[in-house]
Protein backbone atom coordinates (compact mmCIF):
# COMPACT_ATOMS: atom_id res chain seq x y z
CA MET A 1 -5.81 13.00 16.71
CA THR A 2 -2.83 11.68 18.91
CA ARG A 3 -0.20 10.22 17.46
CA PRO A 4 0.40 6.37 17.45
CA THR A 5 3.27 5.08 19.74
CA ALA A 6 6.08 3.72 16.87
CA PRO A 7 8.61 1.65 19.03
CA PHE A 8 11.09 1.77 16.16
CA PRO A 9 13.67 4.74 14.82
CA ASN A 10 12.40 6.50 12.42
CA LEU A 11 15.39 6.33 9.84
CA PHE A 12 13.90 8.05 6.92
CA ARG A 13 14.56 12.02 5.95
CA HIS A 14 12.29 12.10 3.35
CA VAL A 15 8.89 9.73 2.89
CA VAL A 16 6.96 9.51 0.03
CA VAL A 17 3.44 8.45 0.67
CA THR A 18 0.90 7.99 -2.55
CA GLY A 19 -2.87 7.23 -1.01
CA ALA A 20 -2.49 9.67 1.51
CA SER A 21 -5.33 11.27 2.38
CA THR A 22 -7.27 8.39 4.46
CA GLY A 23 -6.67 5.20 5.94
CA ILE A 24 -3.01 3.39 6.29
CA GLY A 25 -1.91 6.07 4.03
CA ALA A 26 -2.66 8.79 6.44
CA ALA A 27 -1.82 6.83 9.68
CA LEU A 28 1.57 5.99 7.97
CA ALA A 29 1.80 9.81 7.00
CA ARG A 30 1.27 10.94 10.84
CA ILE A 31 3.83 8.24 12.29
CA TYR A 32 6.58 9.82 10.06
CA ALA A 33 5.74 13.31 10.71
CA ALA A 34 8.39 14.61 13.50
CA PRO A 35 10.86 17.34 13.47
CA GLU A 36 13.58 17.60 10.75
CA ILE A 37 11.27 14.94 8.67
CA ARG A 38 9.90 16.04 5.08
CA LEU A 39 7.10 14.54 3.80
CA SER A 40 5.74 14.55 -0.04
CA LEU A 41 1.99 12.97 -0.12
CA LEU A 42 -0.33 12.48 -3.04
CA ALA A 43 -3.74 11.54 -3.02
CA ARG A 44 -7.08 12.75 -4.80
CA ASP A 45 -8.86 14.49 -2.31
CA LEU A 46 -7.18 17.73 -1.46
CA LYS A 47 -9.48 18.82 0.93
CA ARG A 48 -8.73 15.88 3.05
CA LEU A 49 -5.23 15.68 2.29
CA GLU A 50 -4.12 19.78 3.31
CA ILE A 51 -6.30 18.48 6.54
CA LEU A 52 -3.73 15.79 7.20
CA ALA A 53 -0.90 17.90 6.15
CA GLU A 54 -1.84 20.32 8.89
CA ASP A 55 -1.90 17.47 11.57
CA CYS A 56 1.62 16.61 10.19
CA ARG A 57 3.09 19.97 10.04
CA ALA A 58 1.62 20.46 13.62
CA ARG A 59 4.39 17.55 14.82
CA GLY A 60 7.16 19.76 13.28
CA ALA A 61 7.34 17.71 9.68
CA HIS A 62 7.86 19.56 6.51
CA VAL A 63 5.03 18.42 4.10
CA GLU A 64 4.45 18.87 1.01
CA ALA A 65 0.89 17.97 -0.30
CA HIS A 66 0.16 17.37 -3.97
CA ALA A 67 -3.69 16.46 -5.51
CA GLY A 68 -2.82 13.96 -8.15
CA ASP A 69 -3.95 10.84 -9.54
CA VAL A 70 -1.51 7.18 -9.93
CA GLN A 71 -3.26 6.25 -13.09
CA ASP A 72 -1.85 10.05 -14.83
CA ALA A 73 2.02 8.55 -15.37
CA GLU A 74 3.46 11.53 -16.72
CA ALA A 75 2.26 13.99 -13.85
CA VAL A 76 3.27 11.79 -11.33
CA GLU A 77 6.59 11.21 -12.31
CA THR A 78 7.18 14.79 -12.77
CA TRP A 79 5.99 15.46 -9.12
CA LEU A 80 8.04 12.74 -8.12
CA VAL A 81 11.46 14.10 -9.71
CA ALA A 82 10.99 17.45 -8.38
CA CYS A 83 10.51 15.93 -4.77
CA ASP A 84 13.24 13.93 -5.21
CA SER A 85 15.48 17.06 -6.34
CA LEU A 86 14.64 19.49 -3.49
CA GLN A 87 15.72 16.19 -1.30
CA ALA A 88 16.49 13.39 -1.83
CA VAL A 89 13.65 10.28 -1.23
CA ASP A 90 14.52 7.56 1.50
CA LEU A 91 11.33 5.85 1.43
CA LEU A 92 8.61 5.38 -1.17
CA ILE A 93 5.35 3.87 0.30
CA ALA A 94 3.47 2.99 -2.95
CA ASN A 95 0.04 2.48 -1.30
CA ALA A 96 -2.67 4.12 -3.57
CA GLY A 97 -5.36 1.72 -4.44
CA ILE A 98 -9.24 1.01 -4.35
CA GLY A 99 -11.27 -1.80 -3.33
CA GLY A 100 -14.27 -2.47 -1.05
CA ALA A 101 -17.60 -2.57 -2.18
CA GLY A 102 -16.77 -0.61 -5.64
CA ALA A 103 -14.31 -3.86 -6.07
CA LEU A 104 -17.01 -6.95 -5.79
CA ALA A 105 -17.65 -8.54 -8.66
CA SER A 106 -21.20 -9.85 -8.97
CA GLU A 107 -22.02 -13.50 -9.80
CA PHE A 108 -21.14 -12.71 -13.30
CA GLY A 109 -17.82 -10.84 -12.37
CA GLU A 110 -16.69 -7.63 -12.57
CA PRO A 111 -17.96 -5.42 -15.61
CA GLY A 112 -14.82 -4.89 -18.20
CA ASP A 113 -14.85 -1.01 -17.18
CA VAL A 114 -14.67 -1.67 -13.45
CA ALA A 115 -12.14 -4.57 -13.71
CA ARG A 116 -10.02 -2.39 -15.93
CA ARG A 117 -10.03 0.19 -13.77
CA ILE A 118 -8.79 -1.66 -10.18
CA ILE A 119 -6.22 -3.05 -12.32
CA SER A 120 -5.12 0.64 -13.85
CA VAL A 121 -5.04 1.93 -10.29
CA ASN A 122 -3.78 -0.97 -8.26
CA THR A 123 -1.47 -2.08 -10.54
CA LEU A 124 0.00 0.46 -13.03
CA GLY A 125 -1.07 2.92 -10.38
CA VAL A 126 2.06 1.42 -8.48
CA VAL A 127 4.81 0.83 -11.56
CA ASN A 128 3.60 4.79 -11.84
CA SER A 129 4.70 5.19 -8.22
CA VAL A 130 8.28 3.08 -8.28
CA THR A 131 9.71 3.84 -11.81
CA PRO A 132 10.38 7.27 -11.46
CA LEU A 133 13.04 6.91 -9.16
CA LEU A 134 14.55 3.51 -9.54
CA ARG A 135 17.49 5.43 -11.52
CA ARG A 136 18.20 7.87 -9.02
CA PHE A 137 17.87 5.40 -5.94
CA VAL A 138 20.28 3.04 -8.16
CA LEU A 139 23.00 5.85 -8.69
CA ARG A 140 22.92 6.89 -5.46
CA ARG A 141 22.68 3.29 -4.37
CA ALA A 142 20.20 4.15 -1.12
CA GLY A 143 16.69 4.08 -1.01
CA HIS A 144 13.64 1.83 0.06
CA VAL A 145 10.71 0.95 -1.74
CA ALA A 146 7.55 -0.52 -0.15
CA ILE A 147 4.54 -1.68 -2.44
CA LEU A 148 1.29 -1.77 -0.47
CA SER A 149 0.00 -5.43 -1.97
CA SER A 150 -3.07 -7.89 -0.02
CA LEU A 151 -2.98 -11.35 1.76
CA GLY A 152 -6.03 -11.82 -0.67
CA ALA A 153 -3.13 -11.74 -3.44
CA GLY A 154 -2.34 -15.23 -2.80
CA LEU A 155 -5.60 -16.78 -2.92
CA GLY A 156 -7.95 -15.61 -5.35
CA LEU A 157 -11.10 -14.91 -3.67
CA PRO A 158 -14.64 -15.29 -5.65
CA GLU A 159 -15.78 -12.01 -4.37
CA CYS A 160 -12.96 -10.19 -6.27
CA PRO A 161 -11.55 -11.39 -9.01
CA ALA A 162 -10.13 -8.27 -10.85
CA TYR A 163 -8.81 -6.60 -7.31
CA ASP A 164 -6.89 -10.02 -6.34
CA ALA A 165 -5.39 -10.01 -9.87
CA SER A 166 -4.16 -6.01 -9.43
CA LYS A 167 -2.68 -7.36 -5.53
CA ALA A 168 -0.95 -10.49 -7.01
CA ALA A 169 0.70 -8.68 -10.08
CA ILE A 170 2.30 -6.03 -7.62
CA HIS A 171 3.24 -9.06 -5.41
CA ALA A 172 5.47 -10.17 -8.00
CA TYR A 173 6.73 -6.76 -9.07
CA GLY A 174 7.60 -5.84 -6.27
CA HIS A 175 9.64 -9.54 -5.42
CA ALA A 176 11.32 -9.26 -8.48
CA LEU A 177 12.17 -5.91 -7.93
CA ARG A 178 13.54 -6.44 -4.94
CA ARG A 179 16.08 -9.22 -6.57
CA LEU A 180 16.87 -6.76 -9.30
CA LEU A 181 18.11 -3.60 -7.03
CA LEU A 182 19.42 -5.73 -3.91
CA GLN A 183 22.93 -5.39 -5.44
CA HIS A 184 22.78 -1.83 -5.97
CA GLY A 185 21.65 -1.31 -2.33
CA VAL A 186 18.27 -0.59 -2.43
CA ARG A 187 15.31 -2.03 -0.73
CA VAL A 188 12.30 -3.52 -1.75
CA THR A 189 9.29 -4.55 0.75
CA VAL A 190 5.86 -6.09 -0.30
CA VAL A 191 3.20 -5.73 2.48
CA TYR A 192 0.22 -7.97 2.80
CA PRO A 193 -2.55 -6.70 4.98
CA GLY A 194 -5.66 -8.54 5.94
CA PHE A 195 -8.57 -6.29 6.59
CA VAL A 196 -7.92 -2.63 7.86
CA ASP A 197 -10.23 -0.69 9.51
CA THR A 198 -10.74 2.03 6.52
CA PRO A 199 -13.70 3.56 4.14
CA MET A 200 -12.94 0.86 1.70
CA ALA A 201 -13.37 -1.90 4.48
CA ARG A 202 -16.34 -0.29 5.89
CA SER A 203 -18.22 -0.29 2.61
CA LEU A 204 -18.17 -4.04 2.55
CA PRO A 205 -21.93 -5.34 2.96
CA PHE A 206 -20.13 -7.67 5.56
CA ARG A 207 -17.91 -7.39 8.67
CA PRO A 208 -14.55 -8.41 7.89
CA PRO A 209 -12.81 -10.78 10.20
CA PHE A 210 -9.88 -9.93 12.33
CA MET A 211 -9.75 -6.10 11.39
CA TRP A 212 -7.63 -4.10 12.25
CA SER A 213 -7.47 -0.01 12.97
CA ALA A 214 -5.06 2.14 10.41
CA ASP A 215 -2.75 3.10 13.41
CA ARG A 216 -2.11 -0.41 14.18
CA ALA A 217 -1.56 -1.66 10.54
CA ALA A 218 0.64 1.48 9.91
CA GLU A 219 2.70 0.77 13.16
CA GLU A 220 3.29 -2.47 11.87
CA ILE A 221 4.29 -1.85 8.54
CA ALA A 222 6.86 1.19 10.15
CA ARG A 223 8.34 -1.18 12.41
CA GLY A 224 8.62 -3.83 9.48
CA LEU A 225 10.46 -1.17 7.23
CA ALA A 226 12.76 0.05 9.96
CA ARG A 227 13.86 -3.64 10.24
CA GLY A 228 14.71 -3.60 6.69
CA ARG A 229 12.10 -6.86 6.26
CA ARG A 230 11.19 -8.23 2.71
CA GLU A 231 7.91 -8.87 3.67
CA ILE A 232 5.24 -7.70 6.09
CA LEU A 233 2.24 -9.85 6.52
CA PHE A 234 -0.42 -9.35 9.42
CA PRO A 235 -2.46 -10.11 11.19
CA TRP A 236 -1.41 -13.60 11.89
CA GLN A 237 -4.33 -15.37 11.81
CA VAL A 238 -5.02 -14.25 7.80
CA ARG A 239 -1.58 -15.14 7.01
CA ILE A 240 -1.61 -18.67 8.48
CA ALA A 241 -4.77 -19.11 6.77
CA VAL A 242 -3.46 -18.11 3.24
CA ARG A 243 -0.33 -20.03 3.96
CA THR A 244 -2.20 -23.16 4.79
CA ALA A 245 -4.57 -22.62 1.45
CA ARG A 246 -1.39 -22.31 -0.33
CA MET A 247 -0.30 -25.79 0.72
CA LEU A 248 -3.58 -27.65 -0.09
CA PRO A 249 -4.84 -28.86 -2.88
CA LEU A 250 -6.64 -26.56 -5.45
CA PRO A 251 -9.76 -28.71 -5.37
CA LEU A 252 -10.05 -28.37 -1.34
CA VAL A 253 -9.35 -24.71 -1.56
CA ASP A 254 -11.85 -23.66 -4.55
CA ARG A 255 -14.64 -25.96 -1.83
CA ALA A 256 -13.54 -24.15 0.93
CA LEU A 257 -13.82 -20.46 -0.78
CA VAL A 258 -16.67 -21.20 -2.79
CA TRP A 259 -18.84 -22.40 0.68
CA LEU A 260 -17.60 -19.25 2.55
CA ARG A 261 -18.64 -16.88 -0.31
CA ILE A 262 -22.34 -18.42 -0.22
CA GLY A 263 -22.01 -18.75 3.55
CA ALA A 264 -21.36 -14.88 4.03
């Protein structure tokens, strides 16, 4: 696979990516893979992760691939501290998450065990990935955290209540964290992708609108991070739809989203 062209400077010498084995996480790892760059990659699927690691090493990067689950707070903290002790982390991308067909609700909502797992991975998994390095970032007055939320976080789609709730929680967490850390020289960016062509999106029983490739999404994210943006939202069509919905009366938004669900 060829490396996406990235028309931005690489300001980060050590990049950590969770959920790195596929999709946006893998595409971001490839973008940052370059000589003298250290990549620390975490995912549950070690086989896929090792394939990605070899690709990144071929581009000249120093790569450490680690099999792990972001739900295991103690193990993730131990790994992150070891990564930062080896070389100070400049950018932490909390990307791991679950969704797709497995996150869709029936007319009765998600079963309790499914809803709890979605929130555990997508919300607590982000907390587990971010908190271990915050003290170190603050003490050295440097570091950048990127949190992958979703444009659905601001809508509350009837197809996936638990998924949207999990992404809304990290939306609030990310913005509050940025305001807390701003005075300490630590950046926090919240990323809101629309539909991206990943295994999760391809599992959906419908064709998602305005879908971007993972490489295109990763380029947009990397460009925004290089510019120090507080938010990164794409594509523009869905961004406008979400912002418009926030301004409309709730009964109108309710009817529109229910109608779209029935139509789909």
